[in-house]
Amino acid sequence: MLDRFALMLDMAARAIVFLLLSLILGIVVVQITLRYGFGGSLTWSEELVRYLLVWLTFVGASVAAREGSLVGLDLLEQKARTLGMDRPLQCVILLLSLSFICAIGYYGAKLATSPGIMRQSFSTMPFSMAWVYACIPVSAVLTGIQLLNLLANTVLPKGNAQ
């Protein structure tokens, strides 16, 4: 069950990453065309692209987590594999990663909902900076679920991680 849920979240995250990348590309192309083709520019394009890229990076972390591509201890894992201790070490690494993601999510949520951030707005648009900071707890939840799924698949034999 966790496997299917994690797969659905991964598919949604990939769609969001694709959408964000498409938006970034479209905005940059329009901005370049307007600036160099017509001598004018959009005042908000650079800032919006920056914040979309932040969201893309954080949501993309959950995709990387599902693929096992987050920062790991490759050298230690290779040595443990030769000693036959790769599964216990993988569990420890996943638990450490999960605790780190939980801390990031907790403090990210506190930051995103802090009064200072809630009152602060974009410099070129009338939106709260809380929308930008919201990517931290959102991505922590997405990444945490993927790490839990990896942990379940590491601890339990294939087919029993439900």
Protein backbone atom coordinates (compact mmCIF):
# COMPACT_ATOMS: atom_id res chain seq x y z
CA MET A 1 0.00 0.00 0.00
CA LEU A 2 2.81 2.40 0.90
CA ASP A 3 4.51 1.42 -2.35
CA ARG A 4 1.50 2.44 -4.46
CA PHE A 5 0.96 5.66 -2.51
CA ALA A 6 4.65 6.57 -2.87
CA LEU A 7 4.46 5.80 -6.59
CA MET A 8 1.41 8.06 -7.01
CA LEU A 9 3.16 10.86 -5.12
CA ASP A 10 6.25 10.38 -7.26
CA MET A 11 4.20 10.64 -10.45
CA ALA A 12 2.55 13.82 -9.14
CA ALA A 13 5.93 15.26 -8.13
CA ARG A 14 7.36 14.51 -11.57
CA ALA A 15 4.38 16.24 -13.20
CA ILE A 16 4.88 19.26 -10.94
CA VAL A 17 8.60 19.36 -11.76
CA PHE A 18 7.79 19.18 -15.48
CA LEU A 19 5.19 21.95 -15.14
CA LEU A 20 7.56 24.19 -13.16
CA LEU A 21 10.39 23.63 -15.64
CA SER A 22 8.04 24.43 -18.53
CA LEU A 23 6.87 27.62 -16.81
CA ILE A 24 10.45 28.68 -16.13
CA LEU A 25 11.42 28.05 -19.75
CA GLY A 26 8.37 29.89 -21.08
CA ILE A 27 8.88 32.93 -18.84
CA VAL A 28 12.59 33.16 -19.69
CA VAL A 29 11.91 32.88 -23.45
CA VAL A 30 9.22 35.59 -23.26
CA GLN A 31 11.50 37.82 -21.18
CA ILE A 32 14.42 37.45 -23.60
CA THR A 33 12.15 38.05 -26.60
CA LEU A 34 10.66 41.17 -25.05
CA ARG A 35 13.98 42.57 -23.87
CA TYR A 36 16.07 42.02 -26.99
CA GLY A 37 13.34 41.93 -29.61
CA PHE A 38 11.14 44.80 -28.48
CA GLY A 39 13.28 46.78 -26.04
CA GLY A 40 10.94 46.23 -23.08
CA SER A 41 10.82 43.71 -20.29
CA LEU A 42 8.65 42.15 -17.63
CA THR A 43 9.43 43.51 -14.18
CA TRP A 44 8.40 40.35 -12.37
CA SER A 45 9.93 37.62 -14.54
CA GLU A 46 13.30 37.25 -12.81
CA GLU A 47 11.78 37.04 -9.35
CA LEU A 48 9.08 34.57 -10.37
CA VAL A 49 11.59 32.35 -12.16
CA ARG A 50 13.80 32.37 -9.05
CA TYR A 51 10.93 31.23 -6.80
CA LEU A 52 9.71 28.64 -9.29
CA LEU A 53 13.25 27.25 -9.41
CA VAL A 54 13.27 27.00 -5.60
CA TRP A 55 10.02 25.02 -5.72
CA LEU A 56 11.37 22.85 -8.55
CA THR A 57 14.49 22.04 -6.53
CA PHE A 58 12.63 21.12 -3.36
CA VAL A 59 9.93 19.05 -5.09
CA GLY A 60 12.62 17.41 -7.20
CA ALA A 61 14.28 16.18 -4.00
CA SER A 62 11.40 13.76 -3.48
CA VAL A 63 11.92 12.37 -6.99
CA ALA A 64 15.63 11.95 -6.22
CA ALA A 65 14.75 10.25 -2.92
CA ARG A 66 12.56 7.68 -4.67
CA GLU A 67 15.39 6.86 -7.07
CA GLY A 68 17.88 6.64 -4.21
CA SER A 69 19.82 9.55 -5.66
CA LEU A 70 20.01 11.76 -2.60
CA VAL A 71 23.41 12.42 -1.10
CA GLY A 72 24.63 9.15 0.37
CA LEU A 73 27.67 7.56 1.84
CA ASP A 74 28.76 5.58 -1.23
CA LEU A 75 32.22 4.67 0.02
CA LEU A 76 30.84 3.37 3.31
CA GLU A 77 28.07 1.49 1.50
CA GLN A 78 30.57 -0.22 -0.81
CA LYS A 79 32.72 -1.31 2.14
CA ALA A 80 29.65 -2.58 4.02
CA ARG A 81 28.55 -4.52 0.93
CA THR A 82 31.86 -6.41 0.89
CA LEU A 83 31.34 -7.29 4.57
CA GLY A 84 27.73 -8.36 3.99
CA MET A 85 26.30 -5.54 6.10
CA ASP A 86 24.78 -3.42 3.35
CA ARG A 87 21.14 -3.78 4.49
CA PRO A 88 21.72 -2.70 8.12
CA LEU A 89 23.85 0.22 6.98
CA GLN A 90 21.25 1.21 4.38
CA CYS A 91 18.62 1.22 7.15
CA VAL A 92 20.80 3.46 9.33
CA ILE A 93 21.43 5.85 6.43
CA LEU A 94 17.71 5.99 5.59
CA LEU A 95 16.79 6.60 9.25
CA LEU A 96 19.35 9.41 9.48
CA SER A 97 18.07 10.91 6.23
CA LEU A 98 14.48 10.63 7.44
CA SER A 99 15.29 12.34 10.74
CA PHE A 100 17.08 15.12 8.86
CA ILE A 101 14.10 15.58 6.50
CA CYS A 102 11.71 15.65 9.49
CA ALA A 103 13.80 18.38 11.12
CA ILE A 104 13.88 20.36 7.87
CA GLY A 105 10.11 19.99 7.53
CA TYR A 106 9.42 21.02 11.11
CA TYR A 107 11.62 24.10 11.07
CA GLY A 108 10.56 24.91 7.51
CA ALA A 109 6.92 24.92 8.60
CA LYS A 110 7.76 27.15 11.56
CA LEU A 111 9.61 29.51 9.23
CA ALA A 112 6.89 29.55 6.57
CA THR A 113 4.22 30.40 9.14
CA SER A 114 6.25 32.93 11.10
CA PRO A 115 4.69 36.41 11.26
CA GLY A 116 7.69 38.07 9.61
CA ILE A 117 7.52 35.81 6.57
CA MET A 118 3.72 36.03 6.39
CA ARG A 119 3.90 39.85 6.23
CA GLN A 120 6.78 39.96 3.74
CA SER A 121 5.77 40.10 0.09
CA PHE A 122 7.53 39.65 -3.23
CA SER A 123 9.31 42.80 -4.31
CA THR A 124 7.57 42.90 -7.71
CA MET A 125 4.27 41.11 -7.00
CA PRO A 126 1.67 41.29 -4.23
CA PHE A 127 2.16 37.72 -2.95
CA SER A 128 3.33 36.61 0.48
CA MET A 129 6.79 35.10 0.80
CA ALA A 130 5.10 32.33 2.77
CA TRP A 131 4.21 30.77 -0.60
CA VAL A 132 7.91 30.42 -1.39
CA TYR A 133 8.82 29.08 2.05
CA ALA A 134 5.92 26.61 1.91
CA CYS A 135 7.99 24.47 -0.45
CA ILE A 136 10.14 23.40 2.50
CA PRO A 137 7.49 21.52 4.53
CA VAL A 138 5.71 20.32 1.38
CA SER A 139 8.88 18.78 -0.01
CA ALA A 140 9.79 17.37 3.40
CA VAL A 141 6.50 15.45 3.48
CA LEU A 142 6.97 14.21 -0.09
CA THR A 143 10.59 13.22 0.51
CA GLY A 144 9.80 11.67 3.90
CA ILE A 145 7.18 9.40 2.36
CA GLN A 146 9.64 8.28 -0.31
CA LEU A 147 12.30 7.60 2.33
CA LEU A 148 9.80 5.63 4.43
CA ASN A 149 8.96 3.57 1.36
CA LEU A 150 12.65 2.90 0.70
CA LEU A 151 13.12 1.93 4.35
CA ALA A 152 10.14 -0.45 4.23
CA ASN A 153 11.51 -2.04 1.05
CA THR A 154 14.95 -2.37 2.66
CA VAL A 155 13.73 -3.88 5.94
CA LEU A 156 11.08 -6.18 4.48
CA PRO A 157 11.69 -8.59 1.62
CA LYS A 158 10.28 -7.53 -1.75
CA GLY A 159 6.53 -8.00 -1.98
CA ASN A 160 6.00 -7.73 1.80
CA ALA A 161 6.44 -3.93 2.10
CA GLN A 162 2.73 -3.22 2.25
